[in-house]
Amino acid sequence: MGVQKAHIEKGGRVKRFIRRNMVSAILAASLIIPSGAIAYQTNLADEIYGTFENVKTHISSATMEGYLLLDAKLNQAQGDMEKGEYQQFKELLNVITNAKVAYGDKYGNIDYTQVPNEQLMELKRTLFEIQPYFDKLNGQKSSKELLSSNEYEEYVESIMMYEQIMAQSGIKESDEVDKIPSELLEDFLQAQRILRKVNETQLESN
């Protein structure tokens, strides 16, 4: 367990990295709602999610501040991308959003073993396509371009596994690792190692 604990502590950077890359983490973050937040405009987020109240209905831990952060991220995407590129990004994001609403837990994490096969295949294809957009928005080199096809597939599957185990364990943060069942811990740590390796590769390429 000492070795596992060391891996977990070293993975603190990975937790922050995943927060930047996983839309659900922005949406479901437990952040304090700032006073007057309701008065802000969230036009782009509303285009995808309907309203904050709609999100709150399905993901109980969502906060207005998290919703505002998401809207800011969408505004960044609209500014950074060509019109056609942004439209494709929104379409991909809609697929993920629908999956979060349909299958996500109260933190927005999905247990992919509970997703019907047809929807699972569509969701996996969507994650393959949308990850380079997330990389771009985070100022990182495209993971799809940096990795071989096999490495990229392993990377996306690791993102899914990481999220899946968090959903199965009922946790919100990866530092709640003591709540992860022992039979899931090694898979969680392996996914964490792969995410860390890709993140380091991206940082080195910048």
N, C-alpha and C. Protein backbone atom coordinates (compact mmCIF):
# COMPACT_ATOMS: atom_id res chain seq x y z
N MET A 1 0.82 -1.21 0.00
CA MET A 1 0.00 0.00 0.00
C MET A 1 0.86 1.26 0.00
N GLY A 2 2.10 1.15 0.57
CA GLY A 2 2.98 2.31 0.59
C GLY A 2 3.32 2.79 -0.80
N VAL A 3 3.59 1.84 -1.70
CA VAL A 3 3.90 2.18 -3.09
C VAL A 3 2.70 2.81 -3.76
N GLN A 4 1.52 2.22 -3.52
CA GLN A 4 0.30 2.76 -4.11
C GLN A 4 0.04 4.18 -3.62
N LYS A 5 0.28 4.42 -2.32
CA LYS A 5 0.06 5.76 -1.78
C LYS A 5 0.98 6.77 -2.43
N ALA A 6 2.23 6.36 -2.66
CA ALA A 6 3.18 7.25 -3.31
C ALA A 6 2.73 7.61 -4.70
N HIS A 7 2.22 6.60 -5.43
CA HIS A 7 1.70 6.85 -6.79
C HIS A 7 0.54 7.83 -6.74
N ILE A 8 -0.32 7.65 -5.74
CA ILE A 8 -1.50 8.51 -5.64
C ILE A 8 -1.10 9.95 -5.36
N GLU A 9 -0.16 10.13 -4.41
CA GLU A 9 0.28 11.48 -4.07
C GLU A 9 0.95 12.14 -5.26
N LYS A 10 1.75 11.37 -5.99
CA LYS A 10 2.42 11.91 -7.17
C LYS A 10 1.41 12.28 -8.24
N GLY A 11 0.24 11.63 -8.19
CA GLY A 11 -0.78 11.89 -9.20
C GLY A 11 -1.60 13.13 -8.97
N GLY A 12 -1.23 13.94 -7.97
CA GLY A 12 -1.99 15.16 -7.72
C GLY A 12 -2.07 16.05 -8.93
N ARG A 13 -0.98 16.12 -9.69
CA ARG A 13 -0.97 16.94 -10.90
C ARG A 13 -1.95 16.39 -11.92
N VAL A 14 -2.10 15.07 -11.93
CA VAL A 14 -3.02 14.45 -12.89
C VAL A 14 -4.44 14.86 -12.59
N LYS A 15 -4.78 14.96 -11.30
CA LYS A 15 -6.13 15.37 -10.94
C LYS A 15 -6.43 16.74 -11.53
N ARG A 16 -5.48 17.67 -11.39
CA ARG A 16 -5.69 19.01 -11.94
C ARG A 16 -5.77 18.96 -13.45
N PHE A 17 -4.94 18.11 -14.07
CA PHE A 17 -4.94 17.95 -15.52
C PHE A 17 -6.28 17.44 -16.01
N ILE A 18 -6.84 16.45 -15.32
CA ILE A 18 -8.12 15.89 -15.73
C ILE A 18 -9.22 16.92 -15.56
N ARG A 19 -9.15 17.72 -14.52
CA ARG A 19 -10.16 18.77 -14.35
C ARG A 19 -10.21 19.68 -15.55
N ARG A 20 -9.03 19.99 -16.11
CA ARG A 20 -9.00 20.90 -17.26
C ARG A 20 -9.61 20.23 -18.49
N ASN A 21 -9.44 18.93 -18.61
CA ASN A 21 -9.80 18.25 -19.84
C ASN A 21 -11.18 17.63 -19.84
N MET A 22 -11.72 17.32 -18.68
CA MET A 22 -13.02 16.68 -18.64
C MET A 22 -14.11 17.72 -18.45
N VAL A 23 -15.00 17.83 -19.40
CA VAL A 23 -16.09 18.80 -19.31
C VAL A 23 -16.91 18.58 -18.06
N SER A 24 -17.13 17.32 -17.70
CA SER A 24 -17.96 17.04 -16.53
C SER A 24 -17.36 17.61 -15.27
N ALA A 25 -16.04 17.70 -15.20
CA ALA A 25 -15.39 18.21 -14.00
C ALA A 25 -15.67 19.70 -13.83
N ILE A 26 -15.70 20.44 -14.93
CA ILE A 26 -16.05 21.86 -14.86
C ILE A 26 -17.51 22.00 -14.44
N LEU A 27 -18.35 21.18 -15.05
CA LEU A 27 -19.78 21.28 -14.82
C LEU A 27 -20.16 20.87 -13.41
N ALA A 28 -19.50 19.85 -12.87
CA ALA A 28 -19.92 19.27 -11.61
C ALA A 28 -19.10 19.72 -10.42
N ALA A 29 -18.15 20.63 -10.63
CA ALA A 29 -17.28 21.06 -9.53
C ALA A 29 -18.10 21.69 -8.41
N SER A 30 -17.81 21.35 -7.18
CA SER A 30 -18.50 21.95 -6.04
C SER A 30 -17.82 23.26 -5.68
N LEU A 31 -18.26 24.32 -6.31
CA LEU A 31 -17.69 25.64 -6.08
C LEU A 31 -18.73 26.53 -5.42
N ILE A 32 -18.28 27.49 -4.64
CA ILE A 32 -19.20 28.40 -3.97
C ILE A 32 -19.87 29.31 -5.00
N ILE A 33 -21.17 29.44 -4.90
CA ILE A 33 -21.91 30.30 -5.83
C ILE A 33 -21.67 31.75 -5.44
N PRO A 34 -21.08 32.57 -6.32
CA PRO A 34 -20.83 33.97 -6.00
C PRO A 34 -22.13 34.76 -5.95
N SER A 35 -22.17 35.77 -5.11
CA SER A 35 -23.38 36.59 -5.01
C SER A 35 -23.64 37.27 -6.34
N GLY A 36 -24.90 37.30 -6.75
CA GLY A 36 -25.26 37.94 -8.01
C GLY A 36 -24.94 37.12 -9.23
N ALA A 37 -24.54 35.87 -9.05
CA ALA A 37 -24.13 35.06 -10.19
C ALA A 37 -25.27 34.83 -11.16
N ILE A 38 -26.48 34.76 -10.63
CA ILE A 38 -27.63 34.48 -11.48
C ILE A 38 -27.82 35.58 -12.52
N ALA A 39 -27.33 36.77 -12.24
CA ALA A 39 -27.52 37.90 -13.15
C ALA A 39 -26.62 37.81 -14.37
N TYR A 40 -25.60 36.97 -14.35
CA TYR A 40 -24.68 36.87 -15.47
C TYR A 40 -25.35 36.19 -16.66
N GLN A 41 -24.89 36.54 -17.85
CA GLN A 41 -25.39 35.91 -19.05
C GLN A 41 -24.60 34.63 -19.32
N THR A 42 -25.29 33.57 -19.67
CA THR A 42 -24.63 32.30 -19.97
C THR A 42 -25.18 31.76 -21.29
N ASN A 43 -25.16 32.61 -22.29
CA ASN A 43 -25.83 32.28 -23.55
C ASN A 43 -25.29 31.01 -24.20
N LEU A 44 -23.97 30.86 -24.26
CA LEU A 44 -23.41 29.69 -24.95
C LEU A 44 -23.68 28.42 -24.17
N ALA A 45 -23.52 28.46 -22.86
CA ALA A 45 -23.81 27.28 -22.05
C ALA A 45 -25.28 26.91 -22.17
N ASP A 46 -26.15 27.92 -22.20
CA ASP A 46 -27.59 27.65 -22.32
C ASP A 46 -27.92 26.99 -23.65
N GLU A 47 -27.17 27.32 -24.70
CA GLU A 47 -27.42 26.70 -26.01
C GLU A 47 -27.25 25.19 -25.94
N ILE A 48 -26.31 24.75 -25.12
CA ILE A 48 -26.01 23.32 -25.03
C ILE A 48 -26.79 22.64 -23.90
N TYR A 49 -26.85 23.30 -22.73
CA TYR A 49 -27.42 22.66 -21.56
C TYR A 49 -28.84 23.09 -21.23
N GLY A 50 -29.38 24.05 -21.99
CA GLY A 50 -30.72 24.54 -21.71
C GLY A 50 -30.65 25.67 -20.71
N THR A 51 -30.56 25.34 -19.44
CA THR A 51 -30.38 26.32 -18.37
C THR A 51 -29.58 25.67 -17.25
N PHE A 52 -29.09 26.50 -16.34
CA PHE A 52 -28.40 25.95 -15.17
C PHE A 52 -29.34 25.08 -14.35
N GLU A 53 -30.60 25.50 -14.25
CA GLU A 53 -31.57 24.73 -13.48
C GLU A 53 -31.74 23.33 -14.06
N ASN A 54 -31.67 23.22 -15.39
CA ASN A 54 -31.78 21.92 -16.03
C ASN A 54 -30.59 21.04 -15.66
N VAL A 55 -29.40 21.64 -15.67
CA VAL A 55 -28.20 20.90 -15.27
C VAL A 55 -28.32 20.44 -13.83
N LYS A 56 -28.75 21.34 -12.96
CA LYS A 56 -28.85 21.04 -11.53
C LYS A 56 -29.82 19.90 -11.28
N THR A 57 -30.84 19.79 -12.10
CA THR A 57 -31.82 18.71 -11.95
C THR A 57 -31.16 17.35 -12.12
N HIS A 58 -30.20 17.27 -13.04
CA HIS A 58 -29.58 15.98 -13.36
C HIS A 58 -28.26 15.75 -12.62
N ILE A 59 -27.52 16.82 -12.33
CA ILE A 59 -26.23 16.69 -11.65
C ILE A 59 -26.29 17.57 -10.41
N SER A 60 -26.62 16.95 -9.28
CA SER A 60 -26.95 17.72 -8.08
C SER A 60 -25.80 18.54 -7.54
N SER A 61 -24.55 18.16 -7.84
CA SER A 61 -23.41 18.90 -7.30
C SER A 61 -23.01 20.10 -8.16
N ALA A 62 -23.69 20.30 -9.29
CA ALA A 62 -23.37 21.43 -10.16
C ALA A 62 -23.65 22.74 -9.43
N THR A 63 -22.83 23.75 -9.69
CA THR A 63 -23.03 25.07 -9.09
C THR A 63 -23.05 26.13 -10.18
N MET A 64 -23.60 27.28 -9.85
CA MET A 64 -23.64 28.36 -10.82
C MET A 64 -22.24 28.80 -11.22
N GLU A 65 -21.31 28.81 -10.26
CA GLU A 65 -19.95 29.23 -10.61
C GLU A 65 -19.34 28.26 -11.62
N GLY A 66 -19.58 26.96 -11.41
CA GLY A 66 -19.09 25.99 -12.37
C GLY A 66 -19.71 26.20 -13.74
N TYR A 67 -21.00 26.55 -13.74
CA TYR A 67 -21.71 26.80 -15.00
C TYR A 67 -21.14 28.02 -15.70
N LEU A 68 -20.81 29.06 -14.93
CA LEU A 68 -20.21 30.26 -15.51
C LEU A 68 -18.82 29.96 -16.07
N LEU A 69 -18.07 29.12 -15.38
CA LEU A 69 -16.75 28.74 -15.88
C LEU A 69 -16.88 27.99 -17.20
N LEU A 70 -17.89 27.12 -17.27
CA LEU A 70 -18.13 26.38 -18.50
C LEU A 70 -18.49 27.33 -19.64
N ASP A 71 -19.35 28.31 -19.35
CA ASP A 71 -19.73 29.28 -20.37
C ASP A 71 -18.50 30.06 -20.85
N ALA A 72 -17.62 30.41 -19.91
CA ALA A 72 -16.39 31.12 -20.29
C ALA A 72 -15.53 30.25 -21.20
N LYS A 73 -15.49 28.94 -20.90
CA LYS A 73 -14.71 28.02 -21.73
C LYS A 73 -15.31 27.94 -23.13
N LEU A 74 -16.62 27.94 -23.22
CA LEU A 74 -17.27 27.90 -24.52
C LEU A 74 -17.03 29.19 -25.30
N ASN A 75 -17.02 30.31 -24.60
CA ASN A 75 -16.69 31.58 -25.26
C ASN A 75 -15.27 31.56 -25.79
N GLN A 76 -14.36 30.97 -25.01
CA GLN A 76 -12.98 30.84 -25.48
C GLN A 76 -12.93 29.98 -26.74
N ALA A 77 -13.68 28.88 -26.72
CA ALA A 77 -13.70 27.99 -27.88
C ALA A 77 -14.22 28.72 -29.11
N GLN A 78 -15.28 29.49 -28.94
CA GLN A 78 -15.86 30.22 -30.07
C GLN A 78 -14.86 31.22 -30.64
N GLY A 79 -14.06 31.83 -29.75
CA GLY A 79 -13.07 32.80 -30.20
C GLY A 79 -11.85 32.17 -30.84
N ASP A 80 -11.49 30.96 -30.38
CA ASP A 80 -10.26 30.31 -30.85
C ASP A 80 -10.46 29.49 -32.12
N MET A 81 -11.70 29.12 -32.42
CA MET A 81 -11.95 28.20 -33.52
C MET A 81 -12.64 28.90 -34.69
N GLU A 82 -12.43 28.33 -35.87
CA GLU A 82 -13.19 28.76 -37.04
C GLU A 82 -14.65 28.38 -36.82
N LYS A 83 -15.55 29.06 -37.56
CA LYS A 83 -16.98 28.84 -37.35
C LYS A 83 -17.37 27.37 -37.52
N GLY A 84 -16.89 26.74 -38.59
CA GLY A 84 -17.23 25.34 -38.83
C GLY A 84 -16.65 24.43 -37.78
N GLU A 85 -15.44 24.76 -37.33
CA GLU A 85 -14.76 23.96 -36.31
C GLU A 85 -15.52 24.05 -34.98
N TYR A 86 -15.95 25.26 -34.65
CA TYR A 86 -16.69 25.46 -33.40
C TYR A 86 -18.03 24.73 -33.45
N GLN A 87 -18.68 24.75 -34.60
CA GLN A 87 -19.96 24.06 -34.74
C GLN A 87 -19.79 22.57 -34.53
N GLN A 88 -18.72 22.00 -35.08
CA GLN A 88 -18.45 20.58 -34.88
C GLN A 88 -18.18 20.29 -33.40
N PHE A 89 -17.41 21.18 -32.76
CA PHE A 89 -17.12 21.02 -31.34
C PHE A 89 -18.41 21.00 -30.53
N LYS A 90 -19.34 21.91 -30.84
CA LYS A 90 -20.61 21.96 -30.11
C LYS A 90 -21.42 20.69 -30.31
N GLU A 91 -21.40 20.16 -31.52
CA GLU A 91 -22.14 18.93 -31.79
C GLU A 91 -21.57 17.76 -31.00
N LEU A 92 -20.25 17.69 -30.94
CA LEU A 92 -19.61 16.63 -30.16
C LEU A 92 -19.92 16.81 -28.67
N LEU A 93 -19.88 18.05 -28.22
CA LEU A 93 -20.15 18.34 -26.82
C LEU A 93 -21.58 17.99 -26.45
N ASN A 94 -22.49 18.16 -27.39
CA ASN A 94 -23.89 17.79 -27.14
C ASN A 94 -24.04 16.30 -26.87
N VAL A 95 -23.27 15.49 -27.60
CA VAL A 95 -23.33 14.04 -27.39
C VAL A 95 -22.89 13.70 -25.97
N ILE A 96 -21.79 14.32 -25.55
CA ILE A 96 -21.29 14.08 -24.20
C ILE A 96 -22.28 14.58 -23.16
N THR A 97 -22.84 15.76 -23.40
CA THR A 97 -23.82 16.33 -22.47
C THR A 97 -25.01 15.41 -22.28
N ASN A 98 -25.54 14.91 -23.38
CA ASN A 98 -26.69 14.01 -23.30
C ASN A 98 -26.35 12.75 -22.51
N ALA A 99 -25.12 12.26 -22.68
CA ALA A 99 -24.69 11.08 -21.95
C ALA A 99 -24.56 11.37 -20.46
N LYS A 100 -24.03 12.57 -20.13
CA LYS A 100 -23.90 12.95 -18.72
C LYS A 100 -25.27 13.01 -18.05
N VAL A 101 -26.23 13.58 -18.76
CA VAL A 101 -27.58 13.70 -18.23
C VAL A 101 -28.23 12.33 -18.07
N ALA A 102 -28.04 11.47 -19.06
CA ALA A 102 -28.69 10.16 -19.06
C ALA A 102 -28.03 9.16 -18.12
N TYR A 103 -26.71 9.18 -18.04
CA TYR A 103 -25.99 8.12 -17.33
C TYR A 103 -25.08 8.60 -16.21
N GLY A 104 -24.86 9.91 -16.09
CA GLY A 104 -23.93 10.41 -15.08
C GLY A 104 -24.48 10.31 -13.67
N ASP A 105 -23.57 10.20 -12.69
CA ASP A 105 -23.98 10.21 -11.30
C ASP A 105 -24.14 11.66 -10.83
N LYS A 106 -24.29 11.87 -9.55
CA LYS A 106 -24.54 13.23 -9.05
C LYS A 106 -23.37 14.16 -9.28
N TYR A 107 -22.18 13.60 -9.58
CA TYR A 107 -21.00 14.41 -9.88
C TYR A 107 -20.77 14.53 -11.38
N GLY A 108 -21.63 13.91 -12.18
CA GLY A 108 -21.47 13.97 -13.63
C GLY A 108 -20.57 12.89 -14.19
N ASN A 109 -20.09 11.97 -13.33
CA ASN A 109 -19.23 10.88 -13.80
C ASN A 109 -20.07 9.71 -14.29
N ILE A 110 -19.59 9.06 -15.34
CA ILE A 110 -20.33 7.96 -15.95
C ILE A 110 -19.66 6.63 -15.65
N ASP A 111 -20.47 5.65 -15.25
CA ASP A 111 -20.02 4.27 -15.18
C ASP A 111 -20.33 3.66 -16.55
N TYR A 112 -19.31 3.56 -17.38
CA TYR A 112 -19.53 3.15 -18.76
C TYR A 112 -20.00 1.71 -18.91
N THR A 113 -19.88 0.91 -17.86
CA THR A 113 -20.39 -0.46 -17.93
C THR A 113 -21.92 -0.47 -17.92
N GLN A 114 -22.52 0.65 -17.54
CA GLN A 114 -23.98 0.74 -17.47
C GLN A 114 -24.58 1.40 -18.71
N VAL A 115 -23.75 1.77 -19.66
CA VAL A 115 -24.23 2.42 -20.88
C VAL A 115 -24.49 1.36 -21.95
N PRO A 116 -25.68 1.36 -22.57
CA PRO A 116 -25.96 0.39 -23.64
C PRO A 116 -24.90 0.44 -24.72
N ASN A 117 -24.62 -0.71 -25.32
CA ASN A 117 -23.49 -0.85 -26.23
C ASN A 117 -23.51 0.16 -27.38
N GLU A 118 -24.67 0.36 -28.00
CA GLU A 118 -24.74 1.29 -29.14
C GLU A 118 -24.37 2.71 -28.72
N GLN A 119 -24.93 3.15 -27.59
CA GLN A 119 -24.61 4.48 -27.09
C GLN A 119 -23.15 4.56 -26.62
N LEU A 120 -22.64 3.46 -26.09
CA LEU A 120 -21.25 3.44 -25.63
C LEU A 120 -20.30 3.63 -26.80
N MET A 121 -20.57 2.96 -27.91
CA MET A 121 -19.71 3.10 -29.08
C MET A 121 -19.75 4.53 -29.62
N GLU A 122 -20.95 5.12 -29.64
CA GLU A 122 -21.07 6.51 -30.11
C GLU A 122 -20.32 7.45 -29.18
N LEU A 123 -20.44 7.22 -27.88
CA LEU A 123 -19.78 8.08 -26.91
C LEU A 123 -18.26 7.96 -27.01
N LYS A 124 -17.78 6.75 -27.20
CA LYS A 124 -16.33 6.55 -27.34
C LYS A 124 -15.81 7.24 -28.59
N ARG A 125 -16.54 7.12 -29.71
CA ARG A 125 -16.14 7.82 -30.94
C ARG A 125 -16.10 9.32 -30.71
N THR A 126 -17.08 9.82 -29.97
CA THR A 126 -17.14 11.25 -29.70
C THR A 126 -15.95 11.71 -28.86
N LEU A 127 -15.60 10.93 -27.86
CA LEU A 127 -14.45 11.27 -27.02
C LEU A 127 -13.16 11.26 -27.82
N PHE A 128 -13.05 10.33 -28.77
CA PHE A 128 -11.88 10.28 -29.65
C PHE A 128 -11.77 11.58 -30.45
N GLU A 129 -12.91 12.08 -30.92
CA GLU A 129 -12.91 13.27 -31.78
C GLU A 129 -12.76 14.57 -30.99
N ILE A 130 -13.31 14.61 -29.79
CA ILE A 130 -13.35 15.89 -29.07
C ILE A 130 -12.10 16.17 -28.26
N GLN A 131 -11.33 15.14 -27.92
CA GLN A 131 -10.16 15.37 -27.06
C GLN A 131 -9.17 16.40 -27.64
N PRO A 132 -8.88 16.37 -28.96
CA PRO A 132 -7.98 17.40 -29.50
C PRO A 132 -8.51 18.82 -29.32
N TYR A 133 -9.84 18.99 -29.30
CA TYR A 133 -10.42 20.31 -29.04
C TYR A 133 -10.11 20.74 -27.61
N PHE A 134 -10.26 19.80 -26.67
CA PHE A 134 -9.94 20.11 -25.28
C PHE A 134 -8.47 20.48 -25.15
N ASP A 135 -7.61 19.74 -25.85
CA ASP A 135 -6.18 20.05 -25.81
C ASP A 135 -5.92 21.48 -26.28
N LYS A 136 -6.57 21.84 -27.38
CA LYS A 136 -6.37 23.17 -27.95
C LYS A 136 -6.82 24.25 -26.98
N LEU A 137 -7.97 24.05 -26.35
CA LEU A 137 -8.49 25.04 -25.42
C LEU A 137 -7.60 25.19 -24.19
N ASN A 138 -6.87 24.14 -23.86
CA ASN A 138 -5.98 24.17 -22.70
C ASN A 138 -4.56 24.58 -23.08
N GLY A 139 -4.37 25.01 -24.34
CA GLY A 139 -3.06 25.47 -24.77
C GLY A 139 -2.03 24.36 -24.89
N GLN A 140 -2.50 23.14 -25.13
CA GLN A 140 -1.60 22.00 -25.24
C GLN A 140 -1.58 21.47 -26.67
N LYS A 141 -0.52 20.77 -27.00
CA LYS A 141 -0.44 20.11 -28.30
C LYS A 141 -1.49 19.00 -28.36
N SER A 142 -1.99 18.74 -29.54
CA SER A 142 -3.00 17.71 -29.72
C SER A 142 -2.45 16.34 -29.34
N SER A 143 -3.11 15.69 -28.39
CA SER A 143 -2.70 14.35 -27.98
C SER A 143 -2.83 13.37 -29.14
N LYS A 144 -3.80 13.62 -30.01
CA LYS A 144 -4.00 12.73 -31.15
C LYS A 144 -2.83 12.80 -32.12
N GLU A 145 -2.22 13.98 -32.25
CA GLU A 145 -1.07 14.14 -33.13
C GLU A 145 0.22 13.66 -32.50
N LEU A 146 0.33 13.78 -31.19
CA LEU A 146 1.56 13.40 -30.49
C LEU A 146 1.70 11.89 -30.30
N LEU A 147 0.57 11.21 -30.21
CA LEU A 147 0.58 9.78 -29.90
C LEU A 147 0.34 8.94 -31.14
N SER A 148 0.79 7.70 -31.08
CA SER A 148 0.45 6.75 -32.14
C SER A 148 -1.03 6.42 -32.02
N SER A 149 -1.60 5.79 -33.02
CA SER A 149 -3.03 5.46 -32.98
C SER A 149 -3.35 4.55 -31.79
N ASN A 150 -2.46 3.59 -31.52
CA ASN A 150 -2.68 2.69 -30.39
C ASN A 150 -2.55 3.42 -29.06
N GLU A 151 -1.58 4.32 -28.97
CA GLU A 151 -1.38 5.10 -27.74
C GLU A 151 -2.56 6.03 -27.50
N TYR A 152 -3.08 6.62 -28.58
CA TYR A 152 -4.20 7.54 -28.43
C TYR A 152 -5.45 6.79 -27.97
N GLU A 153 -5.66 5.60 -28.53
CA GLU A 153 -6.80 4.79 -28.10
C GLU A 153 -6.66 4.43 -26.62
N GLU A 154 -5.46 4.05 -26.21
CA GLU A 154 -5.21 3.72 -24.81
C GLU A 154 -5.46 4.93 -23.92
N TYR A 155 -5.08 6.10 -24.40
CA TYR A 155 -5.27 7.34 -23.64
C TYR A 155 -6.75 7.64 -23.41
N VAL A 156 -7.55 7.59 -24.47
CA VAL A 156 -8.98 7.87 -24.34
C VAL A 156 -9.65 6.82 -23.45
N GLU A 157 -9.26 5.57 -23.61
CA GLU A 157 -9.82 4.51 -22.77
C GLU A 157 -9.43 4.71 -21.30
N SER A 158 -8.26 5.26 -21.07
CA SER A 158 -7.83 5.53 -19.69
C SER A 158 -8.64 6.67 -19.07
N ILE A 159 -8.96 7.69 -19.88
CA ILE A 159 -9.83 8.77 -19.40
C ILE A 159 -11.18 8.19 -18.99
N MET A 160 -11.71 7.29 -19.82
CA MET A 160 -12.99 6.67 -19.52
C MET A 160 -12.90 5.79 -18.28
N MET A 161 -11.82 5.02 -18.16
CA MET A 161 -11.66 4.13 -17.01
C MET A 161 -11.54 4.93 -15.72
N TYR A 162 -10.79 6.02 -15.77
CA TYR A 162 -10.61 6.89 -14.61
C TYR A 162 -11.97 7.40 -14.13
N GLU A 163 -12.75 7.91 -15.08
CA GLU A 163 -14.08 8.44 -14.74
C GLU A 163 -15.00 7.32 -14.25
N GLN A 164 -14.93 6.17 -14.92
CA GLN A 164 -15.79 5.04 -14.57
C GLN A 164 -15.56 4.59 -13.13
N ILE A 165 -14.30 4.49 -12.73
CA ILE A 165 -14.00 4.03 -11.38
C ILE A 165 -14.42 5.07 -10.34
N MET A 166 -14.31 6.34 -10.68
CA MET A 166 -14.80 7.37 -9.77
C MET A 166 -16.31 7.24 -9.60
N ALA A 167 -17.02 6.94 -10.69
CA ALA A 167 -18.47 6.75 -10.61
C ALA A 167 -18.81 5.51 -9.80
N GLN A 168 -18.10 4.42 -10.06
CA GLN A 168 -18.36 3.17 -9.34
C GLN A 168 -18.05 3.29 -7.85
N SER A 169 -17.10 4.17 -7.53
CA SER A 169 -16.69 4.36 -6.13
C SER A 169 -17.50 5.44 -5.43
N GLY A 170 -18.29 6.19 -6.20
CA GLY A 170 -19.10 7.24 -5.61
C GLY A 170 -18.30 8.41 -5.10
N ILE A 171 -17.16 8.68 -5.77
CA ILE A 171 -16.30 9.77 -5.32
C ILE A 171 -16.29 10.90 -6.34
N LYS A 172 -15.90 12.08 -5.86
CA LYS A 172 -15.86 13.26 -6.71
C LYS A 172 -14.43 13.65 -7.07
N GLU A 173 -13.52 13.46 -6.12
CA GLU A 173 -12.12 13.84 -6.31
C GLU A 173 -11.23 12.61 -6.24
N SER A 174 -10.15 12.62 -7.02
CA SER A 174 -9.26 11.47 -7.04
C SER A 174 -8.49 11.31 -5.74
N ASP A 175 -8.45 12.36 -4.89
CA ASP A 175 -7.74 12.21 -3.62
C ASP A 175 -8.61 11.51 -2.57
N GLU A 176 -9.82 11.12 -2.96
CA GLU A 176 -10.65 10.28 -2.10
C GLU A 176 -10.38 8.81 -2.39
N VAL A 177 -9.14 8.52 -2.72
CA VAL A 177 -8.77 7.19 -3.18
C VAL A 177 -9.01 6.12 -2.13
N ASP A 178 -9.04 6.51 -0.87
CA ASP A 178 -9.29 5.54 0.19
C ASP A 178 -10.69 4.95 0.10
N LYS A 179 -11.57 5.60 -0.67
CA LYS A 179 -12.94 5.10 -0.85
C LYS A 179 -13.06 4.17 -2.06
N ILE A 180 -12.00 4.05 -2.84
CA ILE A 180 -12.04 3.17 -4.01
C ILE A 180 -11.89 1.72 -3.56
N PRO A 181 -12.80 0.83 -3.96
CA PRO A 181 -12.68 -0.58 -3.58
C PRO A 181 -11.35 -1.16 -4.03
N SER A 182 -10.80 -2.05 -3.24
CA SER A 182 -9.47 -2.60 -3.52
C SER A 182 -9.39 -3.26 -4.88
N GLU A 183 -10.49 -3.88 -5.32
CA GLU A 183 -10.46 -4.58 -6.61
C GLU A 183 -10.42 -3.62 -7.80
N LEU A 184 -10.70 -2.34 -7.56
CA LEU A 184 -10.67 -1.34 -8.63
C LEU A 184 -9.42 -0.47 -8.59
N LEU A 185 -8.68 -0.54 -7.50
CA LEU A 185 -7.59 0.40 -7.26
C LEU A 185 -6.48 0.30 -8.30
N GLU A 186 -6.07 -0.91 -8.65
CA GLU A 186 -4.96 -1.05 -9.59
C GLU A 186 -5.32 -0.50 -10.97
N ASP A 187 -6.56 -0.75 -11.42
CA ASP A 187 -7.00 -0.19 -12.70
C ASP A 187 -7.02 1.34 -12.64
N PHE A 188 -7.42 1.89 -11.50
CA PHE A 188 -7.44 3.33 -11.32
C PHE A 188 -6.03 3.91 -11.41
N LEU A 189 -5.09 3.27 -10.73
CA LEU A 189 -3.70 3.74 -10.73
C LEU A 189 -3.07 3.61 -12.11
N GLN A 190 -3.42 2.53 -12.83
CA GLN A 190 -2.89 2.36 -14.18
C GLN A 190 -3.41 3.45 -15.11
N ALA A 191 -4.70 3.75 -15.02
CA ALA A 191 -5.26 4.84 -15.82
C ALA A 191 -4.58 6.16 -15.46
N GLN A 192 -4.34 6.37 -14.19
CA GLN A 192 -3.69 7.59 -13.73
C GLN A 192 -2.28 7.71 -14.30
N ARG A 193 -1.55 6.59 -14.34
CA ARG A 193 -0.19 6.60 -14.88
C ARG A 193 -0.18 7.00 -16.35
N ILE A 194 -1.13 6.48 -17.11
CA ILE A 194 -1.21 6.78 -18.54
C ILE A 194 -1.55 8.25 -18.76
N LEU A 195 -2.49 8.77 -17.99
CA LEU A 195 -2.86 10.19 -18.11
C LEU A 195 -1.68 11.08 -17.76
N ARG A 196 -0.94 10.71 -16.73
CA ARG A 196 0.23 11.49 -16.34
C ARG A 196 1.28 11.48 -17.45
N LYS A 197 1.50 10.31 -18.04
CA LYS A 197 2.51 10.19 -19.09
C LYS A 197 2.16 11.05 -20.30
N VAL A 198 0.89 11.05 -20.70
CA VAL A 198 0.47 11.86 -21.85
C VAL A 198 0.60 13.34 -21.51
N ASN A 199 0.20 13.71 -20.31
CA ASN A 199 0.32 15.11 -19.90
C ASN A 199 1.77 15.57 -19.95
N GLU A 200 2.68 14.75 -19.48
CA GLU A 200 4.10 15.11 -19.50
C GLU A 200 4.61 15.22 -20.93
N THR A 201 4.14 14.34 -21.81
CA THR A 201 4.52 14.40 -23.22
C THR A 201 4.06 15.71 -23.84
N GLN A 202 2.83 16.13 -23.51
CA GLN A 202 2.31 17.39 -24.04
C GLN A 202 3.10 18.58 -23.51
N LEU A 203 3.43 18.56 -22.23
CA LEU A 203 4.20 19.66 -21.65
C LEU A 203 5.58 19.76 -22.28
N GLU A 204 6.20 18.63 -22.53
CA GLU A 204 7.54 18.62 -23.13
C GLU A 204 7.52 19.11 -24.57
N SER A 205 6.38 18.95 -25.24
CA SER A 205 6.30 19.33 -26.65
C SER A 205 5.99 20.81 -26.84
N ASN A 206 5.57 21.48 -25.77
CA ASN A 206 5.21 22.91 -25.87
C ASN A 206 6.46 23.78 -25.96
